[in-house]
Protein backbone atom coordinates (compact mmCIF):
# COMPACT_ATOMS: atom_id res chain seq x y z
CA MET A 1 31.95 -22.50 -30.58
CA LYS A 2 34.06 -23.91 -33.43
CA VAL A 3 32.94 -22.80 -36.92
CA LYS A 4 34.34 -23.00 -40.42
CA ALA A 5 35.46 -19.77 -41.99
CA ALA A 6 37.17 -18.43 -45.07
CA VAL A 7 40.33 -16.61 -44.00
CA VAL A 8 43.41 -15.05 -45.77
CA LYS A 9 46.59 -15.52 -43.95
CA ALA A 10 48.88 -12.96 -45.82
CA PRO A 11 48.35 -10.29 -48.54
CA GLY A 12 48.04 -11.80 -51.97
CA GLN A 13 47.24 -15.36 -50.76
CA ALA A 14 44.13 -17.20 -51.57
CA TRP A 15 41.11 -17.71 -49.21
CA GLU A 16 41.58 -20.76 -47.03
CA ILE A 17 38.74 -22.75 -45.22
CA GLU A 18 39.84 -23.07 -41.50
CA GLU A 19 38.13 -24.05 -38.29
CA VAL A 20 38.05 -21.10 -36.02
CA GLU A 21 36.86 -20.33 -32.53
CA LEU A 22 33.89 -17.93 -32.29
CA GLY A 23 33.21 -16.23 -28.91
CA ASP A 24 29.80 -15.79 -27.33
CA PRO A 25 28.27 -12.45 -27.27
CA VAL A 26 29.38 -10.13 -24.42
CA SER A 27 27.53 -7.00 -23.31
CA GLY A 28 25.93 -5.19 -26.34
CA GLU A 29 26.51 -8.10 -28.78
CA VAL A 30 24.50 -10.76 -30.63
CA GLN A 31 25.29 -14.10 -32.41
CA VAL A 32 23.69 -14.57 -35.87
CA ARG A 33 23.24 -17.68 -37.82
CA LEU A 34 23.72 -16.46 -41.40
CA ALA A 35 21.73 -17.57 -44.39
CA ALA A 36 24.03 -16.05 -47.03
CA SER A 37 26.91 -13.76 -47.75
CA GLY A 38 27.57 -11.53 -50.67
CA LEU A 39 30.99 -11.64 -52.55
CA CYS A 40 31.97 -7.99 -52.60
CA HIS A 41 35.04 -6.53 -54.23
CA SER A 42 36.07 -4.83 -51.01
CA ASP A 43 36.93 -8.26 -49.65
CA GLU A 44 39.22 -8.72 -52.59
CA HIS A 45 40.91 -5.46 -51.53
CA LEU A 46 41.35 -7.18 -48.11
CA ARG A 47 42.90 -10.25 -49.65
CA THR A 48 45.37 -8.33 -51.94
CA GLY A 49 46.45 -5.84 -49.07
CA ALA A 50 44.99 -2.84 -50.96
CA SER A 51 43.08 -2.23 -47.71
CA PRO A 52 45.35 -1.85 -44.63
CA LEU A 53 45.24 -4.31 -41.79
CA PRO A 54 47.28 -4.24 -38.67
CA PHE A 55 47.98 -8.01 -38.98
CA TYR A 56 46.71 -11.34 -40.63
CA PRO A 57 44.84 -13.61 -40.58
CA ALA A 58 41.60 -11.97 -41.58
CA LEU A 59 38.10 -13.48 -41.80
CA GLY A 60 36.37 -11.84 -44.90
CA GLY A 61 32.82 -10.91 -45.59
CA HIS A 62 30.67 -7.95 -44.70
CA GLU A 63 27.29 -8.54 -46.54
CA GLY A 64 25.11 -10.95 -44.75
CA ALA A 65 21.69 -11.71 -43.21
CA GLY A 66 20.39 -14.36 -40.81
CA VAL A 67 18.61 -15.12 -37.57
CA VAL A 68 19.63 -14.02 -34.12
CA THR A 69 20.59 -17.10 -32.06
CA LYS A 70 22.14 -15.51 -28.92
CA VAL A 71 21.74 -12.18 -27.24
CA GLY A 72 24.29 -10.62 -24.78
CA PRO A 73 23.52 -8.61 -21.72
CA GLY A 74 21.99 -5.14 -22.41
CA VAL A 75 20.77 -5.73 -25.93
CA ALA A 76 17.37 -4.28 -26.34
CA SER A 77 16.71 -3.87 -30.09
CA VAL A 78 16.63 -7.50 -31.03
CA GLU A 79 15.99 -10.93 -29.47
CA GLU A 80 16.59 -14.51 -30.36
CA GLY A 81 14.69 -15.56 -33.50
CA ASP A 82 14.60 -12.02 -35.07
CA HIS A 83 15.74 -11.65 -38.75
CA VAL A 84 18.43 -9.19 -39.25
CA VAL A 85 20.68 -7.66 -41.87
CA LEU A 86 24.24 -6.96 -41.04
CA ALA A 87 25.32 -3.46 -42.00
CA PHE A 88 29.03 -3.08 -42.85
CA ILE A 89 28.93 0.32 -41.18
CA PRO A 90 27.90 0.19 -37.46
CA ALA A 91 25.42 2.87 -36.32
CA CYS A 92 25.73 3.51 -32.60
CA GLY A 93 23.23 6.34 -32.57
CA ARG A 94 25.16 8.29 -30.04
CA CYS A 95 28.33 9.61 -31.47
CA PRO A 96 28.52 13.15 -33.01
CA SER A 97 28.19 11.82 -36.47
CA CYS A 98 25.07 9.81 -35.60
CA ALA A 99 23.64 12.63 -33.73
CA LYS A 100 23.96 14.85 -36.91
CA GLY A 101 22.06 12.28 -38.91
CA LEU A 102 25.33 10.90 -40.43
CA GLN A 103 25.01 7.23 -39.32
CA ASN A 104 26.86 6.11 -42.40
CA ILE A 105 29.94 7.66 -40.95
CA CYS A 106 29.37 6.66 -37.36
CA ASP A 107 32.44 7.13 -35.31
CA GLU A 108 32.61 3.37 -34.50
CA GLY A 109 33.56 2.95 -38.16
CA ALA A 110 37.04 3.98 -37.27
CA GLY A 111 37.67 0.42 -36.08
CA LEU A 112 36.32 -1.41 -39.09
CA LEU A 113 39.65 -2.87 -40.16
CA THR A 114 41.08 -3.39 -36.64
CA GLY A 115 39.09 -6.56 -35.83
CA GLN A 116 38.59 -5.17 -32.34
CA ALA A 117 35.19 -5.56 -31.02
CA ILE A 118 33.24 -2.37 -30.29
CA SER A 119 32.25 -3.57 -26.77
CA ASP A 120 35.51 -4.25 -25.24
CA LYS A 121 38.31 -3.95 -27.89
CA THR A 122 39.10 -7.67 -27.83
CA TYR A 123 38.64 -10.25 -30.57
CA ARG A 124 35.58 -12.61 -31.15
CA VAL A 125 37.33 -14.88 -33.57
CA THR A 126 40.59 -16.81 -32.98
CA LEU A 127 42.62 -19.40 -34.96
CA ASN A 128 45.06 -21.51 -32.95
CA ASP A 129 44.51 -19.15 -30.09
CA GLU A 130 45.56 -16.12 -32.09
CA PRO A 131 43.15 -13.24 -32.88
CA VAL A 132 41.52 -13.14 -36.33
CA ILE A 133 40.40 -9.74 -37.89
CA GLN A 134 36.58 -9.84 -38.82
CA MET A 135 36.14 -7.73 -41.94
CA CYS A 136 34.12 -4.62 -41.12
CA LEU A 137 33.74 -6.21 -37.52
CA LEU A 138 31.47 -8.85 -39.15
CA GLY A 139 33.22 -11.72 -41.06
CA THR A 140 30.23 -13.16 -43.01
CA PHE A 141 32.46 -15.63 -44.71
CA SER A 142 31.44 -17.93 -41.88
CA PRO A 143 27.91 -19.44 -41.03
CA TYR A 144 27.90 -17.89 -37.62
CA VAL A 145 29.00 -14.35 -36.57
CA THR A 146 29.17 -12.52 -33.21
CA VAL A 147 28.80 -8.82 -33.75
CA ASN A 148 27.80 -5.61 -31.97
CA GLU A 149 24.20 -4.49 -31.83
CA ALA A 150 25.27 -1.31 -33.65
CA SER A 151 25.84 -3.51 -36.79
CA VAL A 152 22.46 -5.24 -36.64
CA ILE A 153 19.34 -4.08 -38.44
CA LYS A 154 16.16 -5.89 -37.57
CA ILE A 155 13.88 -6.70 -40.51
CA GLU A 156 10.52 -8.29 -41.02
CA LYS A 157 10.44 -12.04 -41.57
CA ASP A 158 8.63 -11.88 -45.03
CA ILE A 159 11.88 -11.06 -46.84
CA PRO A 160 14.03 -14.00 -48.02
CA LEU A 161 17.25 -13.80 -46.06
CA ASP A 162 19.55 -14.53 -49.04
CA LYS A 163 18.04 -11.50 -50.77
CA ALA A 164 18.13 -9.37 -47.72
CA ALA A 165 21.87 -9.93 -47.36
CA LEU A 166 22.45 -7.80 -50.42
CA LEU A 167 21.22 -4.82 -48.50
CA GLY A 168 24.23 -4.91 -46.10
CA CYS A 169 26.55 -3.26 -48.74
CA GLY A 170 26.13 -3.34 -52.43
CA VAL A 171 22.33 -2.40 -52.83
CA ALA A 172 22.27 0.31 -50.20
CA THR A 173 25.59 1.78 -51.47
CA GLY A 174 24.81 1.85 -55.07
CA TRP A 175 21.22 3.04 -54.76
CA GLY A 176 22.07 5.77 -52.35
CA SER A 177 25.14 7.03 -54.21
CA ALA A 178 22.82 7.85 -57.19
CA THR A 179 19.75 8.96 -55.30
CA ALA A 180 20.73 10.36 -51.82
CA ILE A 181 24.24 11.73 -51.97
CA GLY A 182 24.01 11.95 -55.78
CA GLY A 183 20.65 13.60 -55.70
CA ALA A 184 19.42 12.19 -58.97
CA LYS A 185 15.90 13.44 -59.79
CA VAL A 186 13.21 13.35 -62.51
CA GLY A 187 14.58 14.44 -65.92
CA ASP A 188 18.27 14.16 -64.93
CA THR A 189 21.11 12.50 -66.90
CA VAL A 190 23.01 10.08 -64.62
CA VAL A 191 26.28 8.23 -65.74
CA VAL A 192 27.40 5.17 -63.84
CA VAL A 193 30.94 4.03 -64.45
CA GLY A 194 31.46 0.41 -63.46
CA VAL A 195 28.49 -1.97 -63.46
CA GLY A 196 29.20 -4.51 -60.74
CA GLY A 197 27.45 -5.32 -57.48
CA VAL A 198 27.32 -1.63 -56.48
CA GLY A 199 26.99 0.12 -59.87
CA ILE A 200 24.16 -2.00 -61.05
CA ASN A 201 22.19 -0.54 -58.17
CA SER A 202 23.21 2.89 -58.94
CA VAL A 203 21.64 2.28 -62.33
CA GLN A 204 18.37 1.03 -60.96
CA GLY A 205 18.38 3.77 -58.37
CA ALA A 206 18.79 6.51 -60.92
CA ALA A 207 16.08 4.83 -63.08
CA SER A 208 13.71 4.76 -60.07
CA ALA A 209 14.42 8.44 -59.23
CA GLY A 210 13.04 9.28 -62.88
CA ALA A 211 16.33 10.16 -64.59
CA ARG A 212 15.64 10.79 -68.28
CA PHE A 213 19.00 9.14 -69.32
CA VAL A 214 20.75 6.47 -67.36
CA ILE A 215 24.11 5.75 -68.95
CA ALA A 216 26.01 2.67 -67.92
CA ILE A 217 29.75 2.33 -68.74
CA ASP A 218 31.58 -1.08 -68.36
CA PRO A 219 34.06 -2.90 -70.55
CA VAL A 220 32.28 -6.22 -70.04
CA GLU A 221 29.47 -6.86 -72.56
CA PHE A 222 27.46 -9.05 -70.08
CA LYS A 223 27.27 -6.24 -67.52
CA ARG A 224 26.24 -3.73 -70.20
CA ASP A 225 23.45 -6.08 -71.18
CA LYS A 226 22.39 -6.42 -67.71
CA ALA A 227 22.39 -2.75 -66.99
CA LYS A 228 19.64 -2.38 -69.68
CA GLU A 229 17.51 -4.75 -67.68
CA PHE A 230 17.95 -2.55 -64.58
CA GLY A 231 16.99 0.71 -66.23
CA ALA A 232 19.98 1.87 -68.30
CA THR A 233 18.87 3.79 -71.43
CA HIS A 234 22.43 3.84 -73.05
CA THR A 235 25.56 1.65 -72.39
CA PHE A 236 29.19 2.03 -73.51
CA ALA A 237 32.50 0.19 -73.06
CA SER A 238 34.32 3.34 -71.99
CA LEU A 239 33.95 6.95 -70.94
CA GLU A 240 35.76 8.04 -73.99
CA GLU A 241 33.21 6.28 -76.24
CA ALA A 242 30.25 7.75 -74.26
CA LEU A 243 31.32 11.44 -74.02
CA PRO A 244 30.26 12.49 -77.52
CA VAL A 245 26.84 10.73 -77.25
CA ILE A 246 26.31 12.17 -73.73
CA GLY A 247 26.87 15.71 -75.37
CA GLU A 248 24.57 15.00 -78.14
CA ILE A 249 21.52 13.60 -76.25
CA THR A 250 21.77 16.38 -73.60
CA TRP A 251 22.23 19.16 -76.03
CA GLY A 252 25.66 19.89 -74.72
CA LYS A 253 24.54 20.10 -71.04
CA MET A 254 26.32 16.74 -70.09
CA ALA A 255 25.49 14.69 -66.98
CA ASP A 256 23.91 16.04 -63.78
CA VAL A 257 25.45 13.17 -61.83
CA THR A 258 28.27 10.83 -62.57
CA VAL A 259 28.79 7.92 -60.18
CA ILE A 260 32.12 6.07 -60.18
CA THR A 261 31.60 2.42 -59.00
CA VAL A 262 34.53 0.75 -60.51
CA GLY A 263 35.84 -2.23 -58.52
CA GLU A 264 39.38 -0.71 -58.16
CA ILE A 265 39.64 2.99 -58.63
CA HIS A 266 42.72 4.93 -59.88
CA GLY A 267 43.20 8.72 -59.96
CA ASP A 268 43.26 9.00 -63.72
CA ILE A 269 39.49 8.27 -63.92
CA ILE A 270 38.40 11.46 -62.14
CA GLN A 271 39.09 13.90 -64.99
CA PRO A 272 37.12 11.91 -67.58
CA ALA A 273 34.32 11.68 -65.17
CA LEU A 274 34.36 15.33 -64.57
CA SER A 275 34.30 15.97 -68.33
CA ALA A 276 31.21 13.81 -68.60
CA THR A 277 29.65 16.07 -65.99
CA GLY A 278 27.85 19.38 -66.69
CA LYS A 279 27.97 22.78 -65.07
CA GLY A 280 27.08 22.59 -61.39
CA GLY A 281 27.01 18.81 -61.58
CA GLN A 282 28.42 16.27 -59.21
CA VAL A 283 30.93 13.38 -59.50
CA VAL A 284 30.30 10.89 -56.74
CA VAL A 285 33.26 8.66 -55.89
CA VAL A 286 32.30 5.20 -54.57
CA GLY A 287 34.87 2.77 -55.81
CA MET A 288 37.75 1.92 -53.56
CA GLY A 289 41.49 2.02 -54.45
CA HIS A 290 44.71 1.19 -52.80
CA TYR A 291 45.09 2.89 -49.46
CA ALA A 292 48.46 4.33 -50.45
CA ASP A 293 47.33 5.82 -53.86
CA SER A 294 46.91 9.50 -53.54
CA GLN A 295 47.48 10.68 -57.06
CA VAL A 296 44.51 12.21 -59.00
CA THR A 297 44.33 13.78 -62.37
CA LEU A 298 42.02 16.74 -62.15
CA SER A 299 41.56 20.14 -63.89
CA LEU A 300 41.20 22.74 -61.29
CA PHE A 301 40.29 25.30 -63.82
CA GLU A 302 37.30 23.24 -64.84
CA LEU A 303 36.35 22.40 -61.39
CA THR A 304 36.22 26.06 -60.32
CA LEU A 305 34.84 27.85 -63.29
CA LEU A 306 32.12 25.29 -64.00
CA GLN A 307 31.24 24.92 -60.33
CA LYS A 308 31.42 21.09 -60.36
CA ARG A 309 31.57 18.91 -57.23
CA LEU A 310 33.69 15.90 -56.41
CA GLN A 311 32.00 13.94 -53.57
CA GLY A 312 33.12 10.85 -51.72
CA ALA A 313 30.43 8.32 -50.52
CA ILE A 314 30.19 5.42 -48.14
CA PHE A 315 26.93 3.26 -47.83
CA GLY A 316 25.39 5.70 -50.32
CA GLY A 317 25.33 8.55 -47.96
CA VAL A 318 22.43 7.30 -45.80
CA GLY A 319 22.39 5.57 -42.46
CA PRO A 320 21.77 1.86 -42.54
CA ARG A 321 18.83 1.95 -39.93
CA SER A 322 16.78 4.13 -42.34
CA GLN A 323 18.03 3.00 -45.70
CA ILE A 324 17.76 -0.76 -45.28
CA PRO A 325 14.03 -0.82 -44.20
CA LYS A 326 13.20 1.69 -46.90
CA LEU A 327 14.81 -0.33 -49.67
CA LEU A 328 13.02 -3.59 -48.48
CA ASP A 329 9.71 -1.68 -48.88
CA HIS A 330 10.81 -0.79 -52.44
CA TYR A 331 11.57 -4.61 -52.96
CA ARG A 332 8.08 -5.48 -51.70
CA SER A 333 6.49 -2.99 -54.15
CA GLY A 334 8.61 -4.05 -57.06
CA ALA A 335 10.56 -0.98 -57.37
CA LEU A 336 13.78 -2.62 -56.35
CA LYS A 337 15.21 -5.79 -58.06
CA LEU A 338 17.07 -8.08 -55.61
CA ASP A 339 16.39 -11.65 -57.00
CA GLU A 340 17.93 -10.68 -60.40
CA LEU A 341 21.07 -9.31 -58.81
CA VAL A 342 22.63 -12.73 -57.97
CA THR A 343 24.18 -14.25 -60.94
CA LYS A 344 25.64 -17.36 -59.29
CA THR A 345 25.69 -18.95 -55.85
CA TYR A 346 28.57 -20.81 -54.20
CA LYS A 347 29.44 -22.99 -51.31
CA LEU A 348 31.88 -21.48 -48.83
CA GLU A 349 34.49 -23.91 -50.11
CA GLU A 350 34.04 -22.46 -53.55
CA ILE A 351 34.93 -18.87 -52.58
CA ASN A 352 38.12 -18.59 -54.70
CA GLU A 353 36.00 -19.74 -57.69
CA GLY A 354 33.50 -16.95 -56.86
CA TYR A 355 36.04 -14.23 -56.74
CA ALA A 356 37.65 -15.47 -59.96
CA ASP A 357 34.34 -15.20 -61.68
CA MET A 358 33.83 -11.69 -60.33
CA LEU A 359 37.27 -10.55 -61.47
CA GLU A 360 36.52 -12.06 -64.96
CA GLY A 361 33.26 -10.09 -65.13
CA LYS A 362 31.00 -13.11 -65.06
CA ASN A 363 28.82 -11.99 -62.21
CA LEU A 364 26.79 -9.02 -61.13
CA ARG A 365 26.92 -10.39 -57.68
CA GLY A 366 28.09 -13.82 -56.51
CA MET A 367 26.82 -15.14 -53.30
CA ILE A 368 27.74 -17.74 -50.72
CA VAL A 369 24.66 -19.63 -49.62
CA TYR A 370 24.82 -21.60 -46.30
CA THR A 371 23.11 -24.93 -45.91
CA GLU A 372 22.52 -27.31 -42.97
CA ASP A 373 25.96 -28.92 -43.71
CA ASP A 374 27.55 -25.59 -42.75
CA TYR A 375 26.00 -25.24 -39.25
């Protein structure tokens, strides 16, 4: 079927709306009619070339939810009419990582930026008969997607789909980075560096876990103000400004957990984050940088003698099949804010405006909402 899609044709170019050909599901796949797609910074990395692709064009988008419209042979977990969230990390349930309970680093994730479908290593999207890479094997910047069953999480139908879409990346990643892999608990001091679509959920996750102090750091005043609404007890424009206050309020112990959720990470942020973290504490690195950037500033003396930990995290350290339903239960109970996360919605044709707003710090999360005109 022919569908419109936002694609980027070369690194550094703007998103363009094109009519692409979307293939039907083969064995193990489903087709989904999407309600909405989040505008995540990771797709900006795709556009700029900071994330490596084997070729262009690429169809962006990896944060979506919708209704199953077609089911390929062998699919057992969903059927037509089911409501689903698309997880940007597939969870096959069979590989060694999944078998160890590490579905968030499922071996199928190795193909996220190849565009090659899990089922047969071909492509489901083409433009002028040439293959198009689907971001994270999803490509939610199109009202319809054909994806593998491993990327689909069935949800109950009482959740608004435009809110459920946020669980596919930003909410689950931010919340888990503070609470699961970060291990924030009652009485802790948690520092969150970067309060965008991911970091704001680290803030509310830490607050929900019972942290005594939740310190949000962002240069944008709007985001600092929003952080207070999501549970931040203190806000600062920079780590340098925050350090003396962290020391004062913790009686010199500093943070138990520091979560780095900046939109574009560079190696020189690691040491200030370590300095904000106390003995035996942990720095969780969530933000993405350029794939070729390997330079980090780090005091090995401090790392060793104060027994600090530096930990990478993807999808918040928790598998999507367990995290997404759990967080939706939090939403039902009022413990998780979803409605308040979306600052502004856009049409697909306004995608470049949406990313300009993100880069200017105007949004916590921008979102493309699809209407009948898109299908």
